[in-house]
Amino acid sequence: MHISRALATALIAGPLTAAVKSQLKIYNTFMH
């Protein structure tokens, strides 16, 4: 149960973190 929850969290957090990083990169590009 805990393993599948951790796996689901990783599957969600991975792309989510990548999306946030790309958004920050775009934001920084427009700010500077």
C-alpha atoms as a PDB file:
ATOM      1  CA  MET A   1       0.000   0.000   0.000  1.00  0.00           C
ATOM      2  CA  HIS A   2       2.725   2.451   1.013  1.00  0.00           C
ATOM      3  CA  ILE A   3       4.920   1.409  -1.902  1.00  0.00           C
ATOM      4  CA  SER A   4       2.209   2.026  -4.485  1.00  0.00           C
ATOM      5  CA  ARG A   5       1.428   5.379  -2.872  1.00  0.00           C
ATOM      6  CA  ALA A   6       5.086   6.379  -3.053  1.00  0.00           C
ATOM      7  CA  LEU A   7       5.208   5.202  -6.665  1.00  0.00           C
ATOM      8  CA  ALA A   8       2.114   7.222  -7.546  1.00  0.00           C
ATOM      9  CA  THR A   9       3.584  10.257  -5.788  1.00  0.00           C
ATOM     10  CA  ALA A  10       6.810   9.891  -7.770  1.00  0.00           C
ATOM     11  CA  LEU A  11       4.914   9.520 -11.056  1.00  0.00           C
ATOM     12  CA  ILE A  12       2.916  12.669 -10.298  1.00  0.00           C
ATOM     13  CA  ALA A  13       5.719  14.721  -8.716  1.00  0.00           C
ATOM     14  CA  GLY A  14       8.234  13.979 -11.499  1.00  0.00           C
ATOM     15  CA  PRO A  15       6.379  15.622 -14.407  1.00  0.00           C
ATOM     16  CA  LEU A  16       4.964  18.250 -12.048  1.00  0.00           C
ATOM     17  CA  THR A  17       8.457  19.292 -10.932  1.00  0.00           C
ATOM     18  CA  ALA A  18       9.633  19.371 -14.539  1.00  0.00           C
ATOM     19  CA  ALA A  19       6.664  21.562 -15.481  1.00  0.00           C
ATOM     20  CA  VAL A  20       7.339  23.956 -12.608  1.00  0.00           C
ATOM     21  CA  LYS A  21      11.026  24.181 -13.539  1.00  0.00           C
ATOM     22  CA  SER A  22      10.191  24.932 -17.174  1.00  0.00           C
ATOM     23  CA  GLN A  23       7.658  27.557 -16.061  1.00  0.00           C
ATOM     24  CA  LEU A  24      10.275  29.179 -13.828  1.00  0.00           C
ATOM     25  CA  LYS A  25      12.767  29.147 -16.696  1.00  0.00           C
ATOM     26  CA  ILE A  26      10.250  30.909 -18.962  1.00  0.00           C
ATOM     27  CA  TYR A  27       9.374  33.349 -16.175  1.00  0.00           C
ATOM     28  CA  ASN A  28      13.030  34.193 -15.551  1.00  0.00           C
ATOM     29  CA  THR A  29      13.589  34.651 -19.293  1.00  0.00           C
ATOM     30  CA  PHE A  30      10.772  37.179 -19.527  1.00  0.00           C
ATOM     31  CA  MET A  31      11.832  38.969 -16.329  1.00  0.00           C
ATOM     32  CA  HIS A  32      15.399  39.410 -17.572  1.00  0.00           C
END
